[in-house]
Amino acid sequence: SGIRILRQEPWEALASFIISQNNNIPRIKKIIENMSKGLGEAFIGFDGQTYYTFPTAQAVLAAGEEGLAPFKMGFRTRYLLDAAKKYLSGEVDFEQVSSACAEDAEKALMGICGVGKKVASCTLLFGFHKLEFFPIDVWIKRVLEKYYPDGIDINSLGAYAGVAQQYLFYYERYIAAKNGGEEERK
């Protein structure tokens, strides 16, 4: 229970997964938080707390390399700027991506500098709610090796492959880890 596949705004999903490349979760969170504070819109939320929106593609592009430097994204800065430029110019049209078949949607996103199969799959699953995508990151690679040593036909998971991926991820990260690997010994 409790597993959800977010319906993130597509630009935010794409930018966040670009930032996530070869990065750890605490650092990803810090970059996104600082970028939102620096380039997002402030608003007052619950209990008088100030929150910030995720920066728009326009804000990212206007900031340029120099304006993004304080957020310490490294090589990802160039990728994020290319994504903003291609999105804003219409070269990568999110409406077309949304209505495209899986293969064409993935191909469109992979036309952005630095966007490979994993970032495209994550963006399509969480930003475009294309549930047939099964992102394979380090964690999922480990799960597949552990529980499916002879391989698995991901295509056989069909239209809900992304849901299956989330269950596998959750199980390994939280249930198996909580049981101290007890499940593995059975």
Protein backbone atom coordinates (compact mmCIF):
# COMPACT_ATOMS: atom_id res chain seq x y z
CA SER A 1 0.00 0.00 0.00
CA GLY A 2 1.04 3.58 -0.44
CA ILE A 3 2.85 3.21 -3.75
CA ARG A 4 2.03 6.10 -6.05
CA ILE A 5 3.22 7.06 -9.48
CA LEU A 6 3.35 10.83 -9.44
CA ARG A 7 1.90 12.92 -12.20
CA GLN A 8 4.61 15.54 -12.10
CA GLU A 9 4.50 18.48 -14.43
CA PRO A 10 6.54 17.31 -17.49
CA TRP A 11 9.12 20.11 -17.39
CA GLU A 12 9.75 19.54 -13.68
CA ALA A 13 10.07 15.77 -14.22
CA LEU A 14 12.50 16.18 -17.11
CA ALA A 15 14.65 18.75 -15.30
CA SER A 16 14.67 16.75 -12.06
CA PHE A 17 15.73 13.55 -13.77
CA ILE A 18 18.45 15.39 -15.69
CA ILE A 19 19.74 16.66 -12.34
CA SER A 20 19.53 13.13 -10.89
CA GLN A 21 22.09 11.65 -13.29
CA ASN A 22 25.05 10.10 -11.46
CA ASN A 23 23.91 11.79 -8.29
CA ASN A 24 22.71 10.78 -4.83
CA ILE A 25 19.31 11.63 -3.37
CA PRO A 26 20.47 14.14 -0.71
CA ARG A 27 22.48 16.06 -3.32
CA ILE A 28 19.62 15.97 -5.85
CA LYS A 29 17.22 17.34 -3.22
CA LYS A 30 19.66 20.10 -2.27
CA ILE A 31 20.22 21.18 -5.90
CA ILE A 32 16.48 21.27 -6.59
CA GLU A 33 15.73 23.11 -3.34
CA ASN A 34 18.44 25.72 -3.98
CA MET A 35 17.47 26.12 -7.62
CA SER A 36 13.82 26.61 -6.60
CA LYS A 37 14.79 29.22 -4.00
CA GLY A 38 17.03 31.00 -6.48
CA LEU A 39 14.89 30.84 -9.63
CA GLY A 40 11.38 29.83 -8.54
CA GLU A 41 8.48 31.94 -7.31
CA ALA A 42 8.05 32.33 -3.55
CA PHE A 43 4.69 31.75 -1.93
CA ILE A 44 3.45 31.51 1.61
CA GLY A 45 2.15 28.10 2.48
CA PHE A 46 1.06 26.18 5.52
CA ASP A 47 1.72 27.78 8.88
CA GLY A 48 3.26 30.89 7.31
CA GLN A 49 6.17 28.89 5.86
CA THR A 50 7.74 30.20 2.64
CA TYR A 51 7.92 27.71 -0.21
CA TYR A 52 9.21 28.04 -3.76
CA THR A 53 7.91 26.75 -7.04
CA PHE A 54 10.09 24.70 -9.33
CA PRO A 55 11.83 27.07 -11.78
CA THR A 56 10.27 27.40 -15.19
CA ALA A 57 12.19 26.55 -18.34
CA GLN A 58 12.22 30.31 -19.07
CA ALA A 59 13.88 31.05 -15.72
CA VAL A 60 16.48 28.32 -16.28
CA LEU A 61 17.30 29.53 -19.77
CA ALA A 62 17.45 33.18 -18.66
CA ALA A 63 19.85 32.25 -15.84
CA GLY A 64 22.26 30.62 -18.28
CA GLU A 65 25.42 28.82 -17.22
CA GLU A 66 26.54 31.68 -15.01
CA GLY A 67 23.23 31.91 -13.17
CA LEU A 68 23.04 28.14 -12.67
CA ALA A 69 26.65 27.83 -11.43
CA PRO A 70 25.79 28.48 -7.73
CA PHE A 71 23.56 25.37 -7.75
CA LYS A 72 26.60 23.15 -8.44
CA MET A 73 25.06 20.89 -11.07
CA GLY A 74 28.35 20.36 -12.88
CA PHE A 75 28.06 18.73 -16.31
CA ARG A 76 24.26 18.59 -15.89
CA THR A 77 24.04 22.38 -16.36
CA ARG A 78 24.63 22.04 -20.09
CA TYR A 79 21.98 19.31 -20.33
CA LEU A 80 19.42 21.34 -18.40
CA LEU A 81 20.00 24.40 -20.60
CA ASP A 82 19.64 22.29 -23.75
CA ALA A 83 16.38 20.84 -22.40
CA ALA A 84 15.01 24.31 -21.61
CA LYS A 85 16.02 25.63 -25.03
CA LYS A 86 14.51 22.70 -26.95
CA TYR A 87 11.31 22.75 -24.89
CA LEU A 88 10.79 26.51 -25.23
CA SER A 89 11.59 26.54 -28.96
CA GLY A 90 9.11 23.72 -29.57
CA GLU A 91 11.82 21.43 -30.91
CA VAL A 92 10.69 19.03 -28.18
CA ASP A 93 6.93 19.57 -28.03
CA PHE A 94 5.49 18.16 -24.80
CA GLU A 95 1.99 17.89 -26.28
CA GLN A 96 3.36 15.74 -29.09
CA VAL A 97 5.41 13.69 -26.63
CA SER A 98 2.29 13.15 -24.54
CA SER A 99 0.24 11.84 -27.45
CA ALA A 100 3.06 9.95 -29.19
CA CYS A 101 3.56 6.20 -29.10
CA ALA A 102 6.14 5.00 -26.57
CA GLU A 103 8.96 4.70 -29.10
CA ASP A 104 8.43 8.17 -30.60
CA ALA A 105 8.01 9.80 -27.16
CA GLU A 106 11.27 8.27 -25.95
CA LYS A 107 13.07 9.26 -29.16
CA ALA A 108 11.88 12.87 -28.82
CA LEU A 109 13.21 13.22 -25.28
CA MET A 110 16.47 11.47 -26.18
CA GLY A 111 17.03 14.26 -28.71
CA ILE A 112 17.95 16.47 -25.76
CA CYS A 113 21.65 16.58 -24.93
CA GLY A 114 22.39 14.26 -22.01
CA VAL A 115 19.00 12.52 -22.00
CA GLY A 116 19.47 8.80 -22.37
CA LYS A 117 17.12 5.88 -21.98
CA LYS A 118 16.89 6.05 -18.17
CA VAL A 119 16.14 9.79 -17.93
CA ALA A 120 13.68 9.53 -20.82
CA SER A 121 11.95 6.51 -19.23
CA CYS A 122 11.68 8.20 -15.82
CA THR A 123 10.35 11.40 -17.39
CA LEU A 124 7.80 9.52 -19.46
CA LEU A 125 6.62 7.45 -16.49
CA PHE A 126 6.39 10.24 -13.92
CA GLY A 127 5.91 13.35 -16.06
CA PHE A 128 3.74 12.02 -18.87
CA HIS A 129 2.09 9.13 -16.97
CA LYS A 130 3.12 6.63 -19.64
CA LEU A 131 2.87 3.56 -17.42
CA GLU A 132 4.44 1.23 -19.98
CA PHE A 133 7.90 2.64 -19.20
CA PHE A 134 10.14 0.60 -16.90
CA PRO A 135 13.11 2.78 -15.89
CA ILE A 136 16.23 0.79 -15.08
CA ASP A 137 18.53 2.47 -12.60
CA VAL A 138 21.16 0.98 -10.30
CA TRP A 139 18.52 -0.25 -7.83
CA ILE A 140 16.35 -1.91 -10.46
CA LYS A 141 19.41 -3.46 -12.10
CA ARG A 142 20.27 -5.07 -8.74
CA VAL A 143 16.68 -6.28 -8.25
CA LEU A 144 16.58 -7.83 -11.71
CA GLU A 145 19.92 -9.58 -11.17
CA LYS A 146 18.82 -10.86 -7.76
CA TYR A 147 15.30 -12.09 -8.53
CA TYR A 148 15.51 -12.68 -12.29
CA PRO A 149 19.05 -14.00 -12.88
CA ASP A 150 17.94 -15.60 -16.16
CA GLY A 151 16.42 -12.32 -17.31
CA ILE A 152 12.89 -11.01 -17.63
CA ASP A 153 10.97 -9.89 -20.68
CA ILE A 154 10.02 -6.39 -19.59
CA ASN A 155 7.73 -6.09 -22.62
CA SER A 156 5.63 -8.91 -21.14
CA LEU A 157 4.67 -6.52 -18.33
CA GLY A 158 2.70 -4.54 -20.92
CA ALA A 159 0.87 -1.31 -20.26
CA TYR A 160 1.68 -1.37 -16.52
CA ALA A 161 5.41 -2.11 -16.60
CA GLY A 162 6.10 1.11 -14.68
CA VAL A 163 3.79 0.01 -11.88
CA ALA A 164 5.62 -3.33 -11.68
CA GLN A 165 8.93 -1.45 -11.57
CA GLN A 166 7.71 0.61 -8.62
CA TYR A 167 6.65 -2.52 -6.71
CA LEU A 168 10.04 -4.14 -7.32
CA PHE A 169 11.84 -0.97 -6.24
CA TYR A 170 9.71 -0.59 -3.11
CA TYR A 171 10.04 -4.23 -2.15
CA GLU A 172 13.81 -4.27 -2.38
CA ARG A 173 14.44 -0.87 -0.78
CA TYR A 174 11.98 -1.17 2.08
CA ILE A 175 10.60 -4.67 2.67
CA ALA A 176 13.64 -6.84 1.95
CA ALA A 177 15.95 -4.30 3.62
CA LYS A 178 13.68 -4.11 6.70
CA ASN A 179 13.73 -7.90 6.99
CA GLY A 180 17.52 -7.82 6.86
CA GLY A 181 17.59 -9.96 3.76
CA GLU A 182 15.38 -12.57 5.46
CA GLU A 183 13.35 -12.96 2.27
CA GLU A 184 16.51 -13.85 0.39
CA ARG A 185 17.29 -16.72 2.79
CA LYS A 186 13.86 -18.36 2.33
